[in-house]
C-alpha cells in the first residue's frame, strides 16, 4: 500500500489505503532513522487500522517508514515503498 507520513505535534503520523488483496488481516509498520542501516518493527502484532502514529521520534531526525501486509494465513508481503519525514518540533 502507498503510505503517507505527516509530522504532528506528538510524533509522525502514517496513513495508507487498504491492500487490494481481500485476505489481508493486518499491517506491520517498520521504521529506521536516516542514519541507521536496518528497519525496526514498530508493531510486532499486525494492526487492523489504516493509520499509525509514531510517538517515539526525536526532534531533528529524519525517519523512513514502510509497511508489510499480513494475510489470514500469516504470510507477510514485501515491504511497501518507503516514505520519509523529519520531526522538526
N, C-alpha and C. Protein backbone atom coordinates (compact mmCIF):
# COMPACT_ATOMS: atom_id res chain seq x y z
N UNK A 1 0.81 -1.21 0.00
CA UNK A 1 0.00 0.00 0.00
C UNK A 1 0.85 1.26 0.00
N UNK A 2 0.31 2.32 -0.58
CA UNK A 2 1.00 3.61 -0.57
C UNK A 2 0.86 4.24 0.81
N UNK A 3 1.97 4.72 1.34
CA UNK A 3 2.00 5.27 2.70
C UNK A 3 2.23 6.77 2.64
N UNK A 4 1.52 7.52 3.49
CA UNK A 4 1.70 8.96 3.62
C UNK A 4 2.18 9.22 5.05
N UNK A 5 3.23 10.05 5.19
CA UNK A 5 3.77 10.40 6.51
C UNK A 5 3.66 11.90 6.70
N UNK A 6 3.12 12.31 7.87
CA UNK A 6 2.95 13.73 8.18
C UNK A 6 3.42 13.98 9.61
N UNK A 7 4.24 15.02 9.78
CA UNK A 7 4.67 15.39 11.12
C UNK A 7 3.49 15.99 11.88
N UNK A 8 3.35 15.61 13.15
CA UNK A 8 2.33 16.19 14.03
C UNK A 8 3.02 16.72 15.27
N UNK A 9 2.26 17.34 16.15
CA UNK A 9 2.85 17.85 17.39
C UNK A 9 3.42 16.75 18.26
N UNK A 10 2.81 15.57 18.21
CA UNK A 10 3.22 14.48 19.11
C UNK A 10 4.14 13.45 18.47
N UNK A 11 4.31 13.49 17.16
CA UNK A 11 5.15 12.49 16.50
C UNK A 11 5.02 12.57 15.00
N UNK A 12 5.07 11.40 14.36
CA UNK A 12 4.88 11.31 12.91
C UNK A 12 3.71 10.37 12.67
N UNK A 13 2.72 10.88 11.95
CA UNK A 13 1.50 10.13 11.69
C UNK A 13 1.57 9.52 10.29
N UNK A 14 1.28 8.23 10.22
CA UNK A 14 1.26 7.50 8.95
C UNK A 14 -0.17 7.12 8.62
N UNK A 15 -0.49 7.11 7.34
CA UNK A 15 -1.78 6.60 6.89
C UNK A 15 -1.59 5.93 5.54
N UNK A 16 -2.51 5.03 5.21
CA UNK A 16 -2.39 4.28 3.96
C UNK A 16 -3.76 3.76 3.54
N UNK A 17 -3.84 3.43 2.26
CA UNK A 17 -5.04 2.83 1.70
C UNK A 17 -5.01 1.33 1.99
N UNK A 18 -6.18 0.70 2.08
CA UNK A 18 -6.18 -0.74 2.32
C UNK A 18 -5.56 -1.49 1.15
N UNK A 19 -5.00 -2.64 1.44
CA UNK A 19 -4.44 -3.50 0.41
C UNK A 19 -5.56 -3.95 -0.53
N UNK A 20 -5.28 -4.09 -1.83
CA UNK A 20 -6.30 -4.58 -2.75
C UNK A 20 -6.61 -6.07 -2.55
N UNK A 21 -5.74 -6.78 -1.85
CA UNK A 21 -5.97 -8.20 -1.59
C UNK A 21 -7.10 -8.35 -0.57
N UNK A 22 -8.01 -9.29 -0.80
CA UNK A 22 -9.17 -9.42 0.09
C UNK A 22 -8.92 -10.26 1.33
N UNK A 23 -7.74 -10.90 1.42
CA UNK A 23 -7.47 -11.75 2.59
C UNK A 23 -6.49 -11.12 3.58
N UNK A 24 -6.27 -9.80 3.47
CA UNK A 24 -5.35 -9.12 4.40
C UNK A 24 -6.02 -8.97 5.76
N UNK A 25 -5.29 -9.39 6.79
CA UNK A 25 -5.85 -9.31 8.15
C UNK A 25 -5.23 -8.19 8.98
N UNK A 26 -4.12 -7.60 8.51
CA UNK A 26 -3.49 -6.52 9.25
C UNK A 26 -2.21 -6.05 8.58
N UNK A 27 -1.56 -5.09 9.23
CA UNK A 27 -0.35 -4.46 8.69
C UNK A 27 0.71 -4.37 9.78
N UNK A 28 1.96 -4.46 9.36
CA UNK A 28 3.09 -4.20 10.26
C UNK A 28 3.77 -2.92 9.80
N UNK A 29 4.18 -2.10 10.76
CA UNK A 29 4.82 -0.82 10.47
C UNK A 29 6.31 -0.95 10.81
N UNK A 30 7.15 -0.56 9.87
CA UNK A 30 8.61 -0.63 10.02
C UNK A 30 9.19 0.78 9.96
N UNK A 31 10.29 1.01 10.71
CA UNK A 31 10.91 2.34 10.75
C UNK A 31 12.42 2.21 10.89
N UNK A 32 13.11 3.18 10.29
CA UNK A 32 14.54 3.37 10.57
C UNK A 32 14.83 4.85 10.53
N UNK A 33 15.79 5.23 11.37
CA UNK A 33 16.27 6.61 11.31
C UNK A 33 17.20 6.69 10.11
N UNK A 34 17.33 7.86 9.53
CA UNK A 34 18.12 8.03 8.31
C UNK A 34 19.56 7.54 8.47
N UNK A 35 20.09 7.60 9.69
CA UNK A 35 21.48 7.17 9.92
C UNK A 35 21.59 5.69 10.29
N UNK A 36 20.50 4.95 10.26
CA UNK A 36 20.51 3.52 10.60
C UNK A 36 20.44 2.68 9.32
N UNK A 37 21.03 1.49 9.38
CA UNK A 37 21.04 0.60 8.22
C UNK A 37 19.78 -0.24 8.12
N UNK A 38 19.30 -0.73 9.25
CA UNK A 38 18.20 -1.69 9.27
C UNK A 38 16.90 -1.06 9.76
N UNK A 39 15.80 -1.56 9.24
CA UNK A 39 14.48 -1.17 9.73
C UNK A 39 14.16 -1.95 10.99
N UNK A 40 13.44 -1.32 11.91
CA UNK A 40 12.94 -1.96 13.13
C UNK A 40 11.43 -2.06 13.02
N UNK A 41 10.90 -3.15 13.56
CA UNK A 41 9.46 -3.36 13.56
C UNK A 41 8.82 -2.59 14.70
N UNK A 42 7.89 -1.69 14.39
CA UNK A 42 7.22 -0.90 15.43
C UNK A 42 5.96 -1.59 15.95
N UNK A 43 5.38 -2.47 15.16
CA UNK A 43 4.12 -3.14 15.54
C UNK A 43 4.30 -4.65 15.44
N UNK A 44 4.84 -5.30 16.47
CA UNK A 44 5.05 -6.75 16.40
C UNK A 44 3.77 -7.53 16.07
N UNK A 45 2.65 -7.08 16.62
CA UNK A 45 1.36 -7.68 16.26
C UNK A 45 0.75 -6.83 15.14
N UNK A 46 0.28 -7.47 14.07
CA UNK A 46 -0.31 -6.69 12.98
C UNK A 46 -1.47 -5.83 13.49
N UNK A 47 -1.56 -4.62 12.95
CA UNK A 47 -2.66 -3.72 13.31
C UNK A 47 -3.68 -3.71 12.18
N UNK A 48 -4.93 -3.54 12.53
CA UNK A 48 -6.01 -3.53 11.54
C UNK A 48 -6.30 -2.12 11.03
N UNK A 49 -5.90 -1.12 11.79
CA UNK A 49 -6.14 0.28 11.41
C UNK A 49 -5.40 0.61 10.12
N UNK A 50 -5.83 1.68 9.47
CA UNK A 50 -5.16 2.19 8.28
C UNK A 50 -4.36 3.44 8.62
N UNK A 51 -3.97 3.55 9.89
CA UNK A 51 -3.14 4.67 10.34
C UNK A 51 -2.37 4.25 11.59
N UNK A 52 -1.28 4.98 11.84
CA UNK A 52 -0.44 4.70 13.00
C UNK A 52 0.33 5.97 13.29
N UNK A 53 0.46 6.34 14.56
CA UNK A 53 1.27 7.50 14.94
C UNK A 53 2.48 7.02 15.73
N UNK A 54 3.65 7.36 15.23
CA UNK A 54 4.91 7.02 15.89
C UNK A 54 5.22 8.11 16.91
N UNK A 55 5.09 7.76 18.18
CA UNK A 55 5.31 8.73 19.27
C UNK A 55 6.74 8.73 19.77
N UNK A 56 7.57 7.82 19.26
CA UNK A 56 8.93 7.66 19.80
C UNK A 56 10.00 8.27 18.89
N UNK A 57 9.66 9.36 18.21
CA UNK A 57 10.63 10.03 17.34
C UNK A 57 11.33 11.15 18.09
N UNK A 58 12.55 11.45 17.66
CA UNK A 58 13.33 12.53 18.27
C UNK A 58 13.41 13.71 17.32
N UNK A 59 13.32 14.90 17.89
CA UNK A 59 13.37 16.13 17.11
C UNK A 59 14.67 16.21 16.32
N UNK A 60 14.57 16.67 15.07
CA UNK A 60 15.74 16.90 14.24
C UNK A 60 16.17 15.73 13.38
N UNK A 61 15.58 14.57 13.58
CA UNK A 61 15.96 13.39 12.80
C UNK A 61 14.96 13.10 11.69
N UNK A 62 15.47 12.54 10.60
CA UNK A 62 14.62 12.08 9.50
C UNK A 62 14.38 10.59 9.70
N UNK A 63 13.12 10.19 9.57
CA UNK A 63 12.73 8.79 9.73
C UNK A 63 12.15 8.28 8.42
N UNK A 64 12.41 7.01 8.15
CA UNK A 64 11.91 6.36 6.95
C UNK A 64 10.98 5.23 7.39
N UNK A 65 9.83 5.11 6.74
CA UNK A 65 8.82 4.13 7.12
C UNK A 65 8.42 3.28 5.93
N UNK A 66 7.98 2.07 6.21
CA UNK A 66 7.34 1.22 5.21
C UNK A 66 6.41 0.26 5.93
N UNK A 67 5.57 -0.41 5.16
CA UNK A 67 4.59 -1.35 5.71
C UNK A 67 4.75 -2.72 5.07
N UNK A 68 4.27 -3.73 5.77
CA UNK A 68 4.01 -5.03 5.16
C UNK A 68 2.57 -5.39 5.50
N UNK A 69 1.93 -6.12 4.60
CA UNK A 69 0.57 -6.61 4.83
C UNK A 69 0.66 -8.07 5.24
N UNK A 70 -0.21 -8.47 6.16
CA UNK A 70 -0.26 -9.85 6.65
C UNK A 70 -1.60 -10.44 6.23
N UNK A 71 -1.56 -11.64 5.61
CA UNK A 71 -2.84 -12.25 5.22
C UNK A 71 -3.36 -13.16 6.33
N UNK A 72 -4.53 -13.72 6.12
CA UNK A 72 -5.19 -14.53 7.15
C UNK A 72 -4.42 -15.79 7.50
N UNK A 73 -3.52 -16.23 6.61
CA UNK A 73 -2.69 -17.39 6.89
C UNK A 73 -1.37 -17.02 7.58
N UNK A 74 -1.15 -15.73 7.79
CA UNK A 74 0.07 -15.27 8.46
C UNK A 74 1.22 -14.95 7.52
N UNK A 75 0.99 -15.03 6.21
CA UNK A 75 2.03 -14.70 5.24
C UNK A 75 2.22 -13.18 5.19
N UNK A 76 3.48 -12.78 5.02
CA UNK A 76 3.81 -11.36 5.02
C UNK A 76 4.21 -10.92 3.61
N UNK A 77 3.70 -9.78 3.18
CA UNK A 77 4.01 -9.25 1.85
C UNK A 77 5.42 -8.66 1.83
N UNK A 78 5.85 -8.28 0.63
CA UNK A 78 7.07 -7.49 0.50
C UNK A 78 6.79 -6.12 1.11
N UNK A 79 7.85 -5.42 1.47
CA UNK A 79 7.68 -4.09 2.06
C UNK A 79 7.19 -3.09 1.02
N UNK A 80 6.39 -2.16 1.49
CA UNK A 80 5.86 -1.10 0.62
C UNK A 80 6.98 -0.14 0.23
N UNK A 81 6.64 0.79 -0.64
CA UNK A 81 7.54 1.89 -0.96
C UNK A 81 7.79 2.68 0.32
N UNK A 82 9.01 3.14 0.50
CA UNK A 82 9.38 3.86 1.73
C UNK A 82 8.99 5.33 1.63
N UNK A 83 8.63 5.90 2.78
CA UNK A 83 8.36 7.34 2.87
C UNK A 83 9.24 7.93 3.97
N UNK A 84 9.61 9.20 3.81
CA UNK A 84 10.47 9.87 4.80
C UNK A 84 9.74 11.07 5.38
N UNK A 85 10.05 11.34 6.65
CA UNK A 85 9.53 12.55 7.30
C UNK A 85 10.51 12.94 8.41
N UNK A 86 10.64 14.26 8.63
CA UNK A 86 11.52 14.78 9.68
C UNK A 86 10.67 15.29 10.84
N UNK A 87 11.12 14.99 12.05
CA UNK A 87 10.49 15.57 13.25
C UNK A 87 11.19 16.89 13.52
N UNK A 88 10.49 17.99 13.27
CA UNK A 88 11.09 19.32 13.38
C UNK A 88 10.85 19.98 14.72
N UNK A 89 9.72 19.66 15.35
CA UNK A 89 9.37 20.36 16.60
C UNK A 89 9.20 19.41 17.74
